[in-house]
Amino acid sequence: MKKIGIILIAFTMTGIMACKDGGKQGDAQCCAATEACCEAQKDKTVIVARVAVKEGKEKAFIEIASKLVEATRKEEGNLFYTLYQSTENPQEFIFYEEYKNDAAFEAHASSAHFAAFAEATNDMMAGELIVDQF
């Protein structure tokens, strides 16, 4: 997880420094690109959801989560969705998600496939699902 965090911080800092004329952090990715890119990206919603599963439940969690990943990638407002497992603690996972806007994220959060995932993994969780929105 440390490597991912350091890489994400490095990319974020690079993007912030690349912004000109008072660009916002959310615009960092496209400040160095065209104005059209910035316009298309300004409403984008990024989610990092963290979860820890009980010891011995990792394989079953990945199996169920894979179905969620597959279904979410088909959602109209989804831009990117993937699951990462920590190399330092295999019981820790993050979902990295990008949506066109908040409405697309809300549609995902209320989807049947997300509800099915939540129900199927409820007993596997070692703690609360932590969701950060950017």
Protein backbone atom coordinates (compact mmCIF):
# COMPACT_ATOMS: atom_id res chain seq x y z
CA MET A 1 0.00 0.00 0.00
CA LYS A 2 2.91 2.37 0.69
CA LYS A 3 4.07 2.22 -2.92
CA ILE A 4 0.60 3.03 -4.23
CA GLY A 5 0.22 5.92 -1.79
CA ILE A 6 3.59 7.40 -2.67
CA ILE A 7 2.89 7.06 -6.38
CA LEU A 8 -0.55 8.67 -6.02
CA ILE A 9 0.91 11.53 -3.98
CA ALA A 10 3.65 12.04 -6.56
CA PHE A 11 1.14 12.16 -9.42
CA THR A 12 -1.14 14.48 -7.45
CA MET A 13 1.69 16.85 -6.57
CA THR A 14 2.91 16.85 -10.17
CA GLY A 15 -0.60 17.68 -11.33
CA ILE A 16 -1.03 20.47 -8.78
CA MET A 17 2.27 22.03 -9.74
CA ALA A 18 1.33 21.81 -13.42
CA CYS A 19 -1.85 23.86 -12.87
CA LYS A 20 -1.62 27.42 -14.06
CA ASP A 21 -3.81 30.42 -13.41
CA GLY A 22 -5.10 29.12 -10.05
CA GLY A 23 -6.41 25.76 -11.28
CA LYS A 24 -8.17 23.60 -8.70
CA GLN A 25 -6.77 20.27 -7.52
CA GLY A 26 -9.57 18.43 -9.31
CA ASP A 27 -8.45 20.09 -12.53
CA ALA A 28 -4.80 19.12 -12.04
CA GLN A 29 -4.99 16.19 -14.40
CA CYS A 30 -5.89 18.31 -17.38
CA CYS A 31 -4.50 21.76 -16.59
CA ALA A 32 -1.54 21.03 -18.81
CA ALA A 33 -3.89 19.79 -21.57
CA THR A 34 -6.54 21.59 -23.57
CA GLU A 35 -9.33 23.68 -22.12
CA ALA A 36 -11.82 21.18 -23.58
CA CYS A 37 -10.20 18.45 -21.49
CA CYS A 38 -10.55 20.56 -18.36
CA GLU A 39 -14.21 21.21 -19.14
CA ALA A 40 -14.90 17.50 -19.64
CA GLN A 41 -13.12 16.55 -16.39
CA LYS A 42 -14.44 19.22 -14.01
CA ASP A 43 -17.47 17.24 -12.81
CA LYS A 44 -15.61 13.92 -12.50
CA THR A 45 -15.95 12.08 -9.18
CA VAL A 46 -13.13 9.90 -7.88
CA ILE A 47 -13.69 7.36 -5.12
CA VAL A 48 -11.19 5.40 -3.07
CA ALA A 49 -12.97 2.77 -1.00
CA ARG A 50 -10.94 0.84 1.55
CA VAL A 51 -11.93 -2.47 3.08
CA ALA A 52 -10.31 -5.10 5.28
CA VAL A 53 -11.57 -8.67 5.20
CA LYS A 54 -11.26 -11.40 7.78
CA GLU A 55 -8.25 -13.69 7.57
CA GLY A 56 -8.89 -16.57 5.19
CA LYS A 57 -11.66 -14.72 3.33
CA GLU A 58 -9.43 -13.00 0.77
CA LYS A 59 -10.01 -15.43 -2.10
CA ALA A 60 -13.80 -15.48 -1.63
CA PHE A 61 -13.84 -11.68 -1.41
CA ILE A 62 -11.90 -11.34 -4.66
CA GLU A 63 -14.28 -13.75 -6.38
CA ILE A 64 -17.35 -11.74 -5.33
CA ALA A 65 -15.67 -8.37 -5.92
CA SER A 66 -14.69 -9.44 -9.45
CA LYS A 67 -18.38 -9.67 -10.33
CA LEU A 68 -18.92 -6.17 -8.96
CA VAL A 69 -15.98 -4.83 -10.97
CA GLU A 70 -17.28 -6.41 -14.18
CA ALA A 71 -20.81 -5.06 -13.72
CA THR A 72 -19.65 -1.59 -12.66
CA ARG A 73 -17.43 -1.17 -15.70
CA LYS A 74 -20.59 -1.53 -17.82
CA GLU A 75 -22.36 1.36 -16.07
CA GLU A 76 -22.95 4.32 -18.35
CA GLY A 77 -21.32 6.87 -16.03
CA ASN A 78 -18.34 4.75 -15.00
CA LEU A 79 -14.94 5.83 -16.35
CA PHE A 80 -12.65 3.50 -14.40
CA TYR A 81 -13.14 0.85 -11.72
CA THR A 82 -10.60 -1.58 -10.32
CA LEU A 83 -9.74 -3.52 -7.19
CA TYR A 84 -6.28 -3.60 -5.61
CA GLN A 85 -5.04 -5.95 -2.90
CA SER A 86 -2.28 -4.80 -0.55
CA THR A 87 1.05 -6.52 -1.07
CA GLU A 88 1.94 -5.88 2.58
CA ASN A 89 -1.35 -7.03 4.13
CA PRO A 90 -3.37 -9.31 1.83
CA GLN A 91 -6.49 -8.73 3.92
CA GLU A 92 -6.62 -5.06 2.86
CA PHE A 93 -8.16 -3.93 -0.42
CA ILE A 94 -9.01 -0.70 -2.16
CA PHE A 95 -11.45 0.01 -4.95
CA TYR A 96 -10.27 2.88 -7.14
CA GLU A 97 -13.23 4.36 -9.01
CA GLU A 98 -13.84 7.22 -11.45
CA TYR A 99 -17.27 8.44 -12.55
CA LYS A 100 -18.42 11.15 -14.96
CA ASN A 101 -20.11 12.99 -12.09
CA ASP A 102 -21.74 12.60 -8.67
CA ALA A 103 -24.98 11.34 -10.23
CA ALA A 104 -23.11 8.46 -11.88
CA PHE A 105 -21.54 7.55 -8.55
CA GLU A 106 -24.93 7.68 -6.82
CA ALA A 107 -26.37 5.40 -9.53
CA HIS A 108 -23.57 2.95 -8.83
CA ALA A 109 -24.06 3.11 -5.07
CA SER A 110 -27.76 2.28 -5.47
CA SER A 111 -27.31 -0.38 -8.17
CA ALA A 112 -28.50 -3.97 -7.77
CA HIS A 113 -24.99 -5.33 -8.33
CA PHE A 114 -23.56 -3.14 -5.55
CA ALA A 115 -26.34 -4.24 -3.18
CA ALA A 116 -25.64 -7.88 -4.05
CA PHE A 117 -21.92 -7.35 -3.38
CA ALA A 118 -22.61 -5.69 -0.01
CA GLU A 119 -24.90 -8.51 1.07
CA ALA A 120 -22.57 -11.28 -0.12
CA THR A 121 -19.49 -9.82 1.60
CA ASN A 122 -21.06 -8.53 4.81
CA ASP A 123 -19.83 -11.46 6.93
CA MET A 124 -16.35 -11.26 5.40
CA MET A 125 -15.64 -7.71 6.51
CA ALA A 126 -13.15 -7.13 9.32
CA GLY A 127 -14.34 -3.52 9.68
CA GLU A 128 -16.30 -0.73 8.08
CA LEU A 129 -16.01 0.14 4.40
CA ILE A 130 -14.19 3.50 4.29
CA VAL A 131 -15.12 5.67 1.32
CA ASP A 132 -13.22 8.82 0.36
CA GLN A 133 -14.60 11.02 -2.41
CA PHE A 134 -12.46 13.43 -4.42
